[in-house]
Amino acid sequence: MIEEAYVHELLRLKANNCLYHREGQELEFKEQFNFAGLVDYLRDFAAFANNRGGYLIFGVKDSPRILIGLSVKSRKQFEKVDPEKISGFLLEIFSSDIRWEQSLVDIDGMFFGVFKIYKAATRPVIARRDEGKDQVIKNGDVYYRYGGRTQRIQHAELENIINRRVEQNNQHWLDLMAKIGHAGPQNAAVLDTEKALIEKDNAQVLVVDEGLAEKLKFVKEGQFVEKDGAATLKLIGDVVPVDRVEVTKRIKENLTKAYPLAAMDLVAEVKKVIPGAKPNDIWEVIRENGLKDNPDYSAYNFRNKKQEDKYKETGEVPPVTPSIYNENAVEFIVKVLKGKKEK
């Protein structure tokens, strides 16, 4: 759900009436909404979805960044947006479902069109076909947010997404094994849907979890009534869904191996590529794009387990906790700094 209070914060003004917040990894401003630019907007949708999600806000003038609100014509077009049609269009163009919401926000009599895009559950989101004039969206491309820019994804970020997907798949297997361990293999059996057999004597096992159990239709022995040809399973005894899963947490044994760069090491690596880069510019990129909270680039190097446990419990980072970084952070910062120079 789009929280108007948060949109107000994103559009907060400084003393000179310019916006306090800049465009970044999770924020993009547009001056007016126009259906002619829809393909460009959907490209941004995919870029946000492939990263951490974000907001696309219409009604902000570029250079200087000041609030002007939607024109009457632009507001009417924004109000005509059909969520069902746009979602269908997105499914046709991209490989994965992109979740989004829209809202019209009133600030001091000015109206702003807001799209909120969520991080995709299945990444990467890949373009299925060419779309738009001059192929704004190209078949096979993956788009990503770098700072305040949408562009084709680079190697480091794509590799991160693929590795995360592999990890998720591995975690699903671990979860399944944990369920089997919880239920006990002696209480589990294999349902072979191709052979229409349930096997229990060999080593393979299947555990039905709560979600699947709700979808299955069982009839108890002696109570069978054929109805509409619906597929059923003959039930002898009771079905008990597994509603608690004990999953062993995998902890990285050597954090510094995954994140070998201290803060000043990071600065030195960036300067090798951009000699004129200033530390303050690098810290600004880290802050604006939330790299410290993104394990793709950084991790907190807690001084002891007590600090780490407190962070996991409260989400608050203890004071003076250093961050350590990997090479992906270097590549990301370099791309953003180069992009700022090109503007």
C-alpha atoms as a PDB file:
ATOM      1  CA  MET A   1       0.000   0.000   0.000  1.00  0.00           C
ATOM      2  CA  ILE A   2       1.226   3.511  -0.822  1.00  0.00           C
ATOM      3  CA  GLU A   3       1.567   5.552   2.366  1.00  0.00           C
ATOM      4  CA  GLU A   4       0.853   9.221   1.668  1.00  0.00           C
ATOM      5  CA  ALA A   5       3.005  10.289   4.619  1.00  0.00           C
ATOM      6  CA  TYR A   6       6.008   8.591   3.002  1.00  0.00           C
ATOM      7  CA  VAL A   7       5.281  10.271  -0.349  1.00  0.00           C
ATOM      8  CA  HIS A   8       5.152  13.614   1.487  1.00  0.00           C
ATOM      9  CA  GLU A   9       8.589  12.819   2.893  1.00  0.00           C
ATOM     10  CA  LEU A  10       9.970  11.977  -0.561  1.00  0.00           C
ATOM     11  CA  LEU A  11       8.670  15.348  -1.780  1.00  0.00           C
ATOM     12  CA  ARG A  12       9.943  17.324   1.217  1.00  0.00           C
ATOM     13  CA  LEU A  13      11.430  20.720   0.337  1.00  0.00           C
ATOM     14  CA  LYS A  14      14.563  22.481   1.553  1.00  0.00           C
ATOM     15  CA  ALA A  15      14.665  26.179   2.473  1.00  0.00           C
ATOM     16  CA  ASN A  16      15.317  27.131  -1.185  1.00  0.00           C
ATOM     17  CA  ASN A  17      12.148  25.218  -2.262  1.00  0.00           C
ATOM     18  CA  CYS A  18      14.198  22.529  -4.001  1.00  0.00           C
ATOM     19  CA  LEU A  19      13.654  18.879  -3.145  1.00  0.00           C
ATOM     20  CA  TYR A  20      15.499  17.449  -0.163  1.00  0.00           C
ATOM     21  CA  HIS A  21      15.657  13.931  -1.653  1.00  0.00           C
ATOM     22  CA  ARG A  22      17.544  13.159  -4.846  1.00  0.00           C
ATOM     23  CA  GLU A  23      16.777  10.505  -7.420  1.00  0.00           C
ATOM     24  CA  GLY A  24      18.365   7.252  -6.423  1.00  0.00           C
ATOM     25  CA  GLN A  25      18.202   3.502  -6.428  1.00  0.00           C
ATOM     26  CA  GLU A  26      14.603   3.570  -5.165  1.00  0.00           C
ATOM     27  CA  LEU A  27      13.343   6.918  -6.472  1.00  0.00           C
ATOM     28  CA  GLU A  28      12.709   8.460  -9.904  1.00  0.00           C
ATOM     29  CA  PHE A  29      11.025  11.794 -10.704  1.00  0.00           C
ATOM     30  CA  LYS A  30       9.162  12.709 -13.884  1.00  0.00           C
ATOM     31  CA  GLU A  31       7.733  16.084 -14.854  1.00  0.00           C
ATOM     32  CA  GLN A  32       4.393  14.972 -16.364  1.00  0.00           C
ATOM     33  CA  PHE A  33       2.585  11.719 -17.050  1.00  0.00           C
ATOM     34  CA  ASN A  34       1.841  10.896 -20.684  1.00  0.00           C
ATOM     35  CA  PHE A  35       0.618   7.651 -22.201  1.00  0.00           C
ATOM     36  CA  ALA A  36       3.116   8.224 -25.023  1.00  0.00           C
ATOM     37  CA  GLY A  37       5.893   7.556 -22.514  1.00  0.00           C
ATOM     38  CA  LEU A  38       4.345   4.400 -21.080  1.00  0.00           C
ATOM     39  CA  VAL A  39       7.026   2.045 -22.405  1.00  0.00           C
ATOM     40  CA  ASP A  40       9.735   4.163 -20.732  1.00  0.00           C
ATOM     41  CA  TYR A  41       7.841   3.975 -17.449  1.00  0.00           C
ATOM     42  CA  LEU A  42       7.474   0.191 -17.710  1.00  0.00           C
ATOM     43  CA  ARG A  43      11.205  -0.065 -18.321  1.00  0.00           C
ATOM     44  CA  ASP A  44      11.662   1.734 -15.003  1.00  0.00           C
ATOM     45  CA  PHE A  45       9.173  -0.700 -13.433  1.00  0.00           C
ATOM     46  CA  ALA A  46      11.388  -3.627 -14.448  1.00  0.00           C
ATOM     47  CA  ALA A  47      14.546  -1.871 -13.229  1.00  0.00           C
ATOM     48  CA  PHE A  48      13.037  -1.196  -9.798  1.00  0.00           C
ATOM     49  CA  ALA A  49      11.674  -4.755  -9.592  1.00  0.00           C
ATOM     50  CA  ASN A  50      15.117  -6.204 -10.345  1.00  0.00           C
ATOM     51  CA  ASN A  51      16.649  -4.154  -7.544  1.00  0.00           C
ATOM     52  CA  ARG A  52      14.872  -3.305  -4.285  1.00  0.00           C
ATOM     53  CA  GLY A  53      11.655  -1.777  -5.580  1.00  0.00           C
ATOM     54  CA  GLY A  54      10.984   1.954  -5.579  1.00  0.00           C
ATOM     55  CA  TYR A  55       8.801   4.947  -6.391  1.00  0.00           C
ATOM     56  CA  LEU A  56       8.148   6.676  -9.710  1.00  0.00           C
ATOM     57  CA  ILE A  57       6.648  10.136  -9.023  1.00  0.00           C
ATOM     58  CA  PHE A  58       5.164  12.524 -11.594  1.00  0.00           C
ATOM     59  CA  GLY A  59       4.821  16.275 -11.079  1.00  0.00           C
ATOM     60  CA  VAL A  60       8.428  17.274 -10.328  1.00  0.00           C
ATOM     61  CA  LYS A  61      10.285  19.694 -12.589  1.00  0.00           C
ATOM     62  CA  ASP A  62      13.817  18.824 -13.627  1.00  0.00           C
ATOM     63  CA  SER A  63      16.702  21.252 -13.076  1.00  0.00           C
ATOM     64  CA  PRO A  64      15.957  22.675 -10.610  1.00  0.00           C
ATOM     65  CA  ARG A  65      14.024  19.939  -8.835  1.00  0.00           C
ATOM     66  CA  ILE A  66      10.910  21.791  -7.712  1.00  0.00           C
ATOM     67  CA  LEU A  67       7.303  20.750  -7.192  1.00  0.00           C
ATOM     68  CA  ILE A  68       4.935  21.764  -9.987  1.00  0.00           C
ATOM     69  CA  GLY A  69       2.272  19.055  -9.769  1.00  0.00           C
ATOM     70  CA  LEU A  70       0.495  17.381 -12.651  1.00  0.00           C
ATOM     71  CA  SER A  71      -1.103  19.544 -15.312  1.00  0.00           C
ATOM     72  CA  VAL A  72      -4.853  19.115 -15.842  1.00  0.00           C
ATOM     73  CA  LYS A  73      -4.220  17.063 -18.994  1.00  0.00           C
ATOM     74  CA  SER A  74      -1.554  14.931 -17.351  1.00  0.00           C
ATOM     75  CA  ARG A  75      -3.706  14.300 -14.284  1.00  0.00           C
ATOM     76  CA  LYS A  76      -6.624  13.135 -16.443  1.00  0.00           C
ATOM     77  CA  GLN A  77      -4.359  10.693 -18.260  1.00  0.00           C
ATOM     78  CA  PHE A  78      -2.955   9.382 -14.982  1.00  0.00           C
ATOM     79  CA  GLU A  79      -6.458   8.841 -13.626  1.00  0.00           C
ATOM     80  CA  LYS A  80      -7.327   6.823 -16.751  1.00  0.00           C
ATOM     81  CA  VAL A  81      -4.594   4.276 -16.050  1.00  0.00           C
ATOM     82  CA  ASP A  82      -6.226   0.836 -15.969  1.00  0.00           C
ATOM     83  CA  PRO A  83      -4.254  -1.354 -13.513  1.00  0.00           C
ATOM     84  CA  GLU A  84      -5.574  -4.561 -15.079  1.00  0.00           C
ATOM     85  CA  LYS A  85      -4.452  -3.551 -18.578  1.00  0.00           C
ATOM     86  CA  ILE A  86      -1.043  -2.325 -17.388  1.00  0.00           C
ATOM     87  CA  SER A  87      -0.446  -5.530 -15.406  1.00  0.00           C
ATOM     88  CA  GLY A  88      -1.428  -7.586 -18.452  1.00  0.00           C
ATOM     89  CA  PHE A  89       0.910  -5.537 -20.613  1.00  0.00           C
ATOM     90  CA  LEU A  90       3.763  -6.093 -18.146  1.00  0.00           C
ATOM     91  CA  LEU A  91       3.170  -9.861 -18.194  1.00  0.00           C
ATOM     92  CA  GLU A  92       3.343  -9.825 -21.985  1.00  0.00           C
ATOM     93  CA  ILE A  93       6.593  -7.855 -22.079  1.00  0.00           C
ATOM     94  CA  PHE A  94       8.514  -9.303 -19.118  1.00  0.00           C
ATOM     95  CA  SER A  95       9.296 -12.793 -17.852  1.00  0.00           C
ATOM     96  CA  SER A  96       8.164 -12.362 -14.241  1.00  0.00           C
ATOM     97  CA  ASP A  97       5.246 -10.795 -12.441  1.00  0.00           C
ATOM     98  CA  ILE A  98       5.876  -7.150 -11.454  1.00  0.00           C
ATOM     99  CA  ARG A  99       3.750  -5.998  -8.521  1.00  0.00           C
ATOM    100  CA  TRP A 100       2.878  -2.302  -8.402  1.00  0.00           C
ATOM    101  CA  GLU A 101       0.356   0.202  -7.098  1.00  0.00           C
ATOM    102  CA  GLN A 102      -0.683   3.712  -8.044  1.00  0.00           C
ATOM    103  CA  SER A 103      -2.017   6.722  -6.190  1.00  0.00           C
ATOM    104  CA  LEU A 104      -2.790  10.402  -6.724  1.00  0.00           C
ATOM    105  CA  VAL A 105      -1.389  12.455  -3.841  1.00  0.00           C
ATOM    106  CA  ASP A 106      -2.462  16.012  -2.997  1.00  0.00           C
ATOM    107  CA  ILE A 107       0.188  18.332  -1.529  1.00  0.00           C
ATOM    108  CA  ASP A 108      -0.878  21.931  -0.957  1.00  0.00           C
ATOM    109  CA  GLY A 109      -3.362  21.785  -3.821  1.00  0.00           C
ATOM    110  CA  MET A 110      -0.897  20.216  -6.260  1.00  0.00           C
ATOM    111  CA  PHE A 111      -1.449  16.640  -7.419  1.00  0.00           C
ATOM    112  CA  PHE A 112       1.324  14.113  -7.905  1.00  0.00           C
ATOM    113  CA  GLY A 113       1.015  10.754  -9.659  1.00  0.00           C
ATOM    114  CA  VAL A 114       2.774   7.963  -7.789  1.00  0.00           C
ATOM    115  CA  PHE A 115       3.673   4.432  -8.842  1.00  0.00           C
ATOM    116  CA  LYS A 116       5.074   2.120  -6.184  1.00  0.00           C
ATOM    117  CA  ILE A 117       6.957  -0.865  -7.605  1.00  0.00           C
ATOM    118  CA  TYR A 118       7.832  -3.851  -5.425  1.00  0.00           C
ATOM    119  CA  LYS A 119      10.944  -5.978  -5.545  1.00  0.00           C
ATOM    120  CA  ALA A 120      10.199  -8.958  -7.789  1.00  0.00           C
ATOM    121  CA  ALA A 121       9.721 -12.307  -6.064  1.00  0.00           C
ATOM    122  CA  THR A 122      11.449 -14.050  -8.976  1.00  0.00           C
ATOM    123  CA  ARG A 123      14.460 -12.261 -10.406  1.00  0.00           C
ATOM    124  CA  PRO A 124      15.825 -11.429 -12.893  1.00  0.00           C
ATOM    125  CA  VAL A 125      12.867  -9.902 -14.694  1.00  0.00           C
ATOM    126  CA  ILE A 126      13.777 -10.292 -18.379  1.00  0.00           C
ATOM    127  CA  ALA A 127      12.266  -8.576 -21.418  1.00  0.00           C
ATOM    128  CA  ARG A 128      10.420 -11.096 -23.612  1.00  0.00           C
ATOM    129  CA  ARG A 129      10.227  -8.922 -26.716  1.00  0.00           C
ATOM    130  CA  ASP A 130      11.119  -5.583 -28.300  1.00  0.00           C
ATOM    131  CA  GLU A 131       8.760  -2.769 -27.357  1.00  0.00           C
ATOM    132  CA  GLY A 132       8.438   0.956 -28.105  1.00  0.00           C
ATOM    133  CA  LYS A 133       9.952   3.303 -30.629  1.00  0.00           C
ATOM    134  CA  ASP A 134      13.683   2.764 -31.166  1.00  0.00           C
ATOM    135  CA  GLN A 135      13.307  -0.439 -29.116  1.00  0.00           C
ATOM    136  CA  VAL A 136      13.181   1.270 -25.721  1.00  0.00           C
ATOM    137  CA  ILE A 137      12.746  -2.251 -24.343  1.00  0.00           C
ATOM    138  CA  LYS A 138      14.806  -4.913 -26.098  1.00  0.00           C
ATOM    139  CA  ASN A 139      14.161  -8.650 -26.157  1.00  0.00           C
ATOM    140  CA  GLY A 140      16.451 -10.422 -23.689  1.00  0.00           C
ATOM    141  CA  ASP A 141      17.505  -7.306 -21.782  1.00  0.00           C
ATOM    142  CA  VAL A 142      17.492  -7.065 -17.994  1.00  0.00           C
ATOM    143  CA  TYR A 143      17.102  -3.553 -16.554  1.00  0.00           C
ATOM    144  CA  TYR A 144      18.417  -2.344 -13.204  1.00  0.00           C
ATOM    145  CA  ARG A 145      18.569   0.829 -11.101  1.00  0.00           C
ATOM    146  CA  TYR A 146      22.031   2.359 -10.715  1.00  0.00           C
ATOM    147  CA  GLY A 147      21.838   5.474  -8.558  1.00  0.00           C
ATOM    148  CA  GLY A 148      19.251   7.638 -10.282  1.00  0.00           C
ATOM    149  CA  ARG A 149      19.453   5.841 -13.628  1.00  0.00           C
ATOM    150  CA  THR A 150      17.746   2.919 -15.320  1.00  0.00           C
ATOM    151  CA  GLN A 151      20.047   0.939 -17.607  1.00  0.00           C
ATOM    152  CA  ARG A 152      20.911  -2.562 -18.713  1.00  0.00           C
ATOM    153  CA  ILE A 153      22.187  -4.674 -15.862  1.00  0.00           C
ATOM    154  CA  GLN A 154      25.914  -5.205 -15.543  1.00  0.00           C
ATOM    155  CA  HIS A 155      27.762  -8.424 -14.803  1.00  0.00           C
ATOM    156  CA  ALA A 156      28.181  -8.023 -11.031  1.00  0.00           C
ATOM    157  CA  GLU A 157      24.519  -7.314 -10.298  1.00  0.00           C
ATOM    158  CA  LEU A 158      23.268 -10.047 -12.649  1.00  0.00           C
ATOM    159  CA  GLU A 159      25.616 -12.566 -11.054  1.00  0.00           C
ATOM    160  CA  ASN A 160      24.330 -11.550  -7.612  1.00  0.00           C
ATOM    161  CA  ILE A 161      20.721 -12.092  -8.677  1.00  0.00           C
ATOM    162  CA  ILE A 162      21.512 -15.503 -10.180  1.00  0.00           C
ATOM    163  CA  ASN A 163      23.451 -16.564  -7.077  1.00  0.00           C
ATOM    164  CA  ARG A 164      20.571 -15.469  -4.854  1.00  0.00           C
ATOM    165  CA  ARG A 165      18.148 -17.507  -6.949  1.00  0.00           C
ATOM    166  CA  VAL A 166      20.376 -20.577  -6.614  1.00  0.00           C
ATOM    167  CA  GLU A 167      20.572 -19.981  -2.847  1.00  0.00           C
ATOM    168  CA  GLN A 168      16.781 -19.731  -2.629  1.00  0.00           C
ATOM    169  CA  ASN A 169      16.425 -23.012  -4.488  1.00  0.00           C
ATOM    170  CA  ASN A 170      18.933 -24.656  -2.161  1.00  0.00           C
ATOM    171  CA  GLN A 171      17.078 -23.226   0.840  1.00  0.00           C
ATOM    172  CA  HIS A 172      13.827 -24.735  -0.431  1.00  0.00           C
ATOM    173  CA  TRP A 173      15.513 -28.131  -0.457  1.00  0.00           C
ATOM    174  CA  LEU A 174      16.844 -27.542   3.066  1.00  0.00           C
ATOM    175  CA  ASP A 175      13.350 -26.572   4.210  1.00  0.00           C
ATOM    176  CA  LEU A 176      11.931 -29.725   2.675  1.00  0.00           C
ATOM    177  CA  MET A 177      14.571 -31.869   4.369  1.00  0.00           C
ATOM    178  CA  ALA A 178      13.814 -30.119   7.667  1.00  0.00           C
ATOM    179  CA  LYS A 179      10.115 -30.944   7.267  1.00  0.00           C
ATOM    180  CA  ILE A 180      10.959 -34.557   6.569  1.00  0.00           C
ATOM    181  CA  GLY A 181      13.211 -34.636   9.617  1.00  0.00           C
ATOM    182  CA  HIS A 182      10.471 -33.075  11.738  1.00  0.00           C
ATOM    183  CA  ALA A 183       7.810 -35.534  10.597  1.00  0.00           C
ATOM    184  CA  GLY A 184      10.155 -38.506  10.566  1.00  0.00           C
ATOM    185  CA  PRO A 185      10.758 -40.590   7.431  1.00  0.00           C
ATOM    186  CA  GLN A 186       8.762 -43.434   8.962  1.00  0.00           C
ATOM    187  CA  ASN A 187       5.677 -41.204   8.763  1.00  0.00           C
ATOM    188  CA  ALA A 188       6.221 -40.014   5.191  1.00  0.00           C
ATOM    189  CA  ALA A 189       5.560 -41.516   1.780  1.00  0.00           C
ATOM    190  CA  VAL A 190       6.129 -40.733  -1.873  1.00  0.00           C
ATOM    191  CA  LEU A 191       3.266 -39.628  -4.098  1.00  0.00           C
ATOM    192  CA  ASP A 192       4.198 -40.428  -7.707  1.00  0.00           C
ATOM    193  CA  THR A 193       1.700 -38.455  -9.790  1.00  0.00           C
ATOM    194  CA  GLU A 194       2.864 -40.048 -13.050  1.00  0.00           C
ATOM    195  CA  LYS A 195       2.385 -43.611 -11.823  1.00  0.00           C
ATOM    196  CA  ALA A 196      -0.552 -42.697  -9.564  1.00  0.00           C
ATOM    197  CA  LEU A 197       1.198 -44.493  -6.722  1.00  0.00           C
ATOM    198  CA  ILE A 198       2.083 -43.645  -3.143  1.00  0.00           C
ATOM    199  CA  GLU A 199       5.253 -45.477  -2.105  1.00  0.00           C
ATOM    200  CA  LYS A 200       6.511 -45.858   1.412  1.00  0.00           C
ATOM    201  CA  ASP A 201       9.012 -48.703   1.484  1.00  0.00           C
ATOM    202  CA  ASN A 202      11.873 -47.099  -0.442  1.00  0.00           C
ATOM    203  CA  ALA A 203      14.089 -44.260   0.692  1.00  0.00           C
ATOM    204  CA  GLN A 204      12.265 -41.438  -1.095  1.00  0.00           C
ATOM    205  CA  VAL A 205       9.845 -39.401   0.984  1.00  0.00           C
ATOM    206  CA  LEU A 206       7.322 -36.605   0.504  1.00  0.00           C
ATOM    207  CA  VAL A 207       5.897 -34.356   3.200  1.00  0.00           C
ATOM    208  CA  VAL A 208       2.639 -32.498   2.545  1.00  0.00           C
ATOM    209  CA  ASP A 209       2.817 -29.038   4.111  1.00  0.00           C
ATOM    210  CA  GLU A 210      -0.140 -26.976   5.289  1.00  0.00           C
ATOM    211  CA  GLY A 211      -0.578 -25.004   2.079  1.00  0.00           C
ATOM    212  CA  LEU A 212      -0.700 -28.105  -0.097  1.00  0.00           C
ATOM    213  CA  ALA A 213      -2.853 -30.027   2.356  1.00  0.00           C
ATOM    214  CA  GLU A 214      -5.545 -27.347   2.070  1.00  0.00           C
ATOM    215  CA  LYS A 215      -5.655 -27.777  -1.708  1.00  0.00           C
ATOM    216  CA  LEU A 216      -5.931 -31.585  -1.697  1.00  0.00           C
ATOM    217  CA  LYS A 217      -9.374 -33.172  -1.600  1.00  0.00           C
ATOM    218  CA  PHE A 218      -9.590 -36.264   0.584  1.00  0.00           C
ATOM    219  CA  VAL A 219     -12.481 -38.641   1.183  1.00  0.00           C
ATOM    220  CA  LYS A 220     -12.468 -40.974   4.145  1.00  0.00           C
ATOM    221  CA  GLU A 221     -12.954 -44.700   3.651  1.00  0.00           C
ATOM    222  CA  GLY A 222     -16.643 -45.532   3.737  1.00  0.00           C
ATOM    223  CA  GLN A 223     -17.651 -41.976   2.884  1.00  0.00           C
ATOM    224  CA  PHE A 224     -16.808 -41.912  -0.839  1.00  0.00           C
ATOM    225  CA  VAL A 225     -19.262 -40.037  -3.038  1.00  0.00           C
ATOM    226  CA  GLU A 226     -18.342 -39.447  -6.673  1.00  0.00           C
ATOM    227  CA  LYS A 227     -19.044 -35.814  -7.518  1.00  0.00           C
ATOM    228  CA  ASP A 228     -18.403 -33.999 -10.802  1.00  0.00           C
ATOM    229  CA  GLY A 229     -15.505 -36.252 -11.633  1.00  0.00           C
ATOM    230  CA  ALA A 230     -13.252 -34.406  -9.162  1.00  0.00           C
ATOM    231  CA  ALA A 231      -9.904 -36.066  -8.444  1.00  0.00           C
ATOM    232  CA  THR A 232      -9.768 -37.446  -4.901  1.00  0.00           C
ATOM    233  CA  LEU A 233      -7.517 -39.462  -2.647  1.00  0.00           C
ATOM    234  CA  LYS A 234      -8.805 -42.280  -0.486  1.00  0.00           C
ATOM    235  CA  LEU A 235      -7.938 -41.410   3.104  1.00  0.00           C
ATOM    236  CA  ILE A 236      -7.325 -44.017   5.792  1.00  0.00           C
ATOM    237  CA  GLY A 237      -6.561 -42.261   9.054  1.00  0.00           C
ATOM    238  CA  ASP A 238      -5.923 -38.529   9.309  1.00  0.00           C
ATOM    239  CA  VAL A 239      -3.853 -35.964   7.441  1.00  0.00           C
ATOM    240  CA  VAL A 240      -1.817 -33.704   9.692  1.00  0.00           C
ATOM    241  CA  PRO A 241      -0.114 -30.766   7.984  1.00  0.00           C
ATOM    242  CA  VAL A 242       3.379 -29.809   9.046  1.00  0.00           C
ATOM    243  CA  ASP A 243       2.931 -26.303  10.423  1.00  0.00           C
ATOM    244  CA  ARG A 244       6.289 -25.800  12.051  1.00  0.00           C
ATOM    245  CA  VAL A 245       9.592 -26.033  10.280  1.00  0.00           C
ATOM    246  CA  GLU A 246      12.910 -26.019  12.009  1.00  0.00           C
ATOM    247  CA  VAL A 247      15.483 -24.653   9.586  1.00  0.00           C
ATOM    248  CA  THR A 248      19.148 -24.622  10.362  1.00  0.00           C
ATOM    249  CA  LYS A 249      20.553 -21.178   9.748  1.00  0.00           C
ATOM    250  CA  ARG A 250      23.625 -21.097   7.596  1.00  0.00           C
ATOM    251  CA  ILE A 251      26.145 -18.591   8.886  1.00  0.00           C
ATOM    252  CA  LYS A 252      29.104 -17.475   6.846  1.00  0.00           C
ATOM    253  CA  GLU A 253      32.205 -18.855   8.476  1.00  0.00           C
ATOM    254  CA  ASN A 254      34.491 -16.153   7.169  1.00  0.00           C
ATOM    255  CA  LEU A 255      32.796 -12.804   6.672  1.00  0.00           C
ATOM    256  CA  THR A 256      35.917 -11.007   5.568  1.00  0.00           C
ATOM    257  CA  LYS A 257      36.410 -13.518   2.776  1.00  0.00           C
ATOM    258  CA  ALA A 258      33.086 -12.476   1.254  1.00  0.00           C
ATOM    259  CA  TYR A 259      33.602  -8.778   2.066  1.00  0.00           C
ATOM    260  CA  PRO A 260      37.377  -8.151   1.999  1.00  0.00           C
ATOM    261  CA  LEU A 261      37.357  -4.342   1.774  1.00  0.00           C
ATOM    262  CA  ALA A 262      37.319  -1.973   4.729  1.00  0.00           C
ATOM    263  CA  ALA A 263      36.000   1.543   4.135  1.00  0.00           C
ATOM    264  CA  MET A 264      39.348   3.073   3.137  1.00  0.00           C
ATOM    265  CA  ASP A 265      40.176   0.024   1.013  1.00  0.00           C
ATOM    266  CA  LEU A 266      36.923   0.686  -0.839  1.00  0.00           C
ATOM    267  CA  VAL A 267      37.917   4.316  -1.455  1.00  0.00           C
ATOM    268  CA  ALA A 268      41.313   3.214  -2.756  1.00  0.00           C
ATOM    269  CA  GLU A 269      39.737   0.721  -5.183  1.00  0.00           C
ATOM    270  CA  VAL A 270      37.311   3.342  -6.528  1.00  0.00           C
ATOM    271  CA  LYS A 271      40.187   5.826  -6.981  1.00  0.00           C
ATOM    272  CA  LYS A 272      42.054   3.285  -9.106  1.00  0.00           C
ATOM    273  CA  VAL A 273      39.252   3.612 -11.662  1.00  0.00           C
ATOM    274  CA  ILE A 274      38.281   7.262 -11.035  1.00  0.00           C
ATOM    275  CA  PRO A 275      41.416   9.029  -9.674  1.00  0.00           C
ATOM    276  CA  GLY A 276      39.490  12.242  -8.967  1.00  0.00           C
ATOM    277  CA  ALA A 277      36.808  10.574  -6.840  1.00  0.00           C
ATOM    278  CA  LYS A 278      36.433  12.161  -3.408  1.00  0.00           C
ATOM    279  CA  PRO A 279      35.630  10.130  -0.292  1.00  0.00           C
ATOM    280  CA  ASN A 280      32.573  12.286   0.415  1.00  0.00           C
ATOM    281  CA  ASP A 281      31.201  11.497  -3.063  1.00  0.00           C
ATOM    282  CA  ILE A 282      31.695   7.789  -2.390  1.00  0.00           C
ATOM    283  CA  TRP A 283      29.960   7.985   1.019  1.00  0.00           C
ATOM    284  CA  GLU A 284      27.088   9.865  -0.649  1.00  0.00           C
ATOM    285  CA  VAL A 285      26.579   7.078  -3.204  1.00  0.00           C
ATOM    286  CA  ILE A 286      26.638   4.497  -0.401  1.00  0.00           C
ATOM    287  CA  ARG A 287      24.112   6.490   1.630  1.00  0.00           C
ATOM    288  CA  GLU A 288      21.731   7.376  -1.235  1.00  0.00           C
ATOM    289  CA  ASN A 289      21.594   3.800  -2.503  1.00  0.00           C
ATOM    290  CA  GLY A 290      21.473   2.029   0.846  1.00  0.00           C
ATOM    291  CA  LEU A 291      24.525  -0.109   0.118  1.00  0.00           C
ATOM    292  CA  LYS A 292      25.211  -0.667   3.823  1.00  0.00           C
ATOM    293  CA  ASP A 293      21.882  -2.465   4.176  1.00  0.00           C
ATOM    294  CA  ASN A 294      22.318  -4.526   1.008  1.00  0.00           C
ATOM    295  CA  PRO A 295      24.217  -7.826   1.441  1.00  0.00           C
ATOM    296  CA  ASP A 296      24.998  -7.829  -2.275  1.00  0.00           C
ATOM    297  CA  TYR A 297      27.570  -5.133  -1.528  1.00  0.00           C
ATOM    298  CA  SER A 298      28.203  -4.812   2.184  1.00  0.00           C
ATOM    299  CA  ALA A 299      27.956  -6.369   5.638  1.00  0.00           C
ATOM    300  CA  TYR A 300      28.220  -5.064   9.177  1.00  0.00           C
ATOM    301  CA  ASN A 301      31.355  -6.292  10.920  1.00  0.00           C
ATOM    302  CA  PHE A 302      30.006  -6.609  14.459  1.00  0.00           C
ATOM    303  CA  ARG A 303      32.593  -6.530  17.222  1.00  0.00           C
ATOM    304  CA  ASN A 304      30.931  -9.347  19.162  1.00  0.00           C
ATOM    305  CA  LYS A 305      27.966 -11.726  19.085  1.00  0.00           C
ATOM    306  CA  LYS A 306      25.996  -9.587  21.527  1.00  0.00           C
ATOM    307  CA  GLN A 307      25.996  -6.701  19.022  1.00  0.00           C
ATOM    308  CA  GLU A 308      24.946  -9.001  16.199  1.00  0.00           C
ATOM    309  CA  ASP A 309      22.103 -10.506  18.250  1.00  0.00           C
ATOM    310  CA  LYS A 310      20.862  -7.021  19.169  1.00  0.00           C
ATOM    311  CA  TYR A 311      20.851  -6.021  15.497  1.00  0.00           C
ATOM    312  CA  LYS A 312      18.866  -9.133  14.533  1.00  0.00           C
ATOM    313  CA  GLU A 313      16.369  -8.472  17.306  1.00  0.00           C
ATOM    314  CA  THR A 314      15.858  -4.707  16.873  1.00  0.00           C
ATOM    315  CA  GLY A 315      17.193  -3.897  13.401  1.00  0.00           C
ATOM    316  CA  GLU A 316      19.301  -1.143  14.970  1.00  0.00           C
ATOM    317  CA  VAL A 317      23.010  -1.059  14.202  1.00  0.00           C
ATOM    318  CA  PRO A 318      25.124  -0.433  17.323  1.00  0.00           C
ATOM    319  CA  PRO A 319      27.108   2.837  17.184  1.00  0.00           C
ATOM    320  CA  VAL A 320      30.527   2.775  15.495  1.00  0.00           C
ATOM    321  CA  THR A 321      29.890  -0.590  13.830  1.00  0.00           C
ATOM    322  CA  PRO A 322      32.166  -0.735  10.774  1.00  0.00           C
ATOM    323  CA  SER A 323      30.919  -1.875   7.383  1.00  0.00           C
ATOM    324  CA  ILE A 324      32.985  -4.036   5.068  1.00  0.00           C
ATOM    325  CA  TYR A 325      32.501  -4.252   1.315  1.00  0.00           C
ATOM    326  CA  ASN A 326      33.084  -6.465  -1.703  1.00  0.00           C
ATOM    327  CA  GLU A 327      34.176  -5.819  -5.298  1.00  0.00           C
ATOM    328  CA  ASN A 328      30.551  -5.515  -6.391  1.00  0.00           C
ATOM    329  CA  ALA A 329      30.301  -2.374  -4.247  1.00  0.00           C
ATOM    330  CA  VAL A 330      33.304  -0.923  -6.054  1.00  0.00           C
ATOM    331  CA  GLU A 331      31.753  -1.609  -9.472  1.00  0.00           C
ATOM    332  CA  PHE A 332      28.406  -0.150  -8.398  1.00  0.00           C
ATOM    333  CA  ILE A 333      29.927   3.060  -7.010  1.00  0.00           C
ATOM    334  CA  VAL A 334      32.075   3.528 -10.110  1.00  0.00           C
ATOM    335  CA  LYS A 335      29.010   3.188 -12.386  1.00  0.00           C
ATOM    336  CA  VAL A 336      27.053   5.743 -10.358  1.00  0.00           C
ATOM    337  CA  LEU A 337      29.897   8.269 -10.233  1.00  0.00           C
ATOM    338  CA  LYS A 338      30.497   7.926 -13.973  1.00  0.00           C
ATOM    339  CA  GLY A 339      26.783   8.350 -14.577  1.00  0.00           C
ATOM    340  CA  LYS A 340      26.739  11.592 -12.567  1.00  0.00           C
ATOM    341  CA  LYS A 341      29.599  12.957 -14.670  1.00  0.00           C
ATOM    342  CA  GLU A 342      27.731  12.190 -17.870  1.00  0.00           C
ATOM    343  CA  LYS A 343      24.649  14.139 -16.751  1.00  0.00           C
END
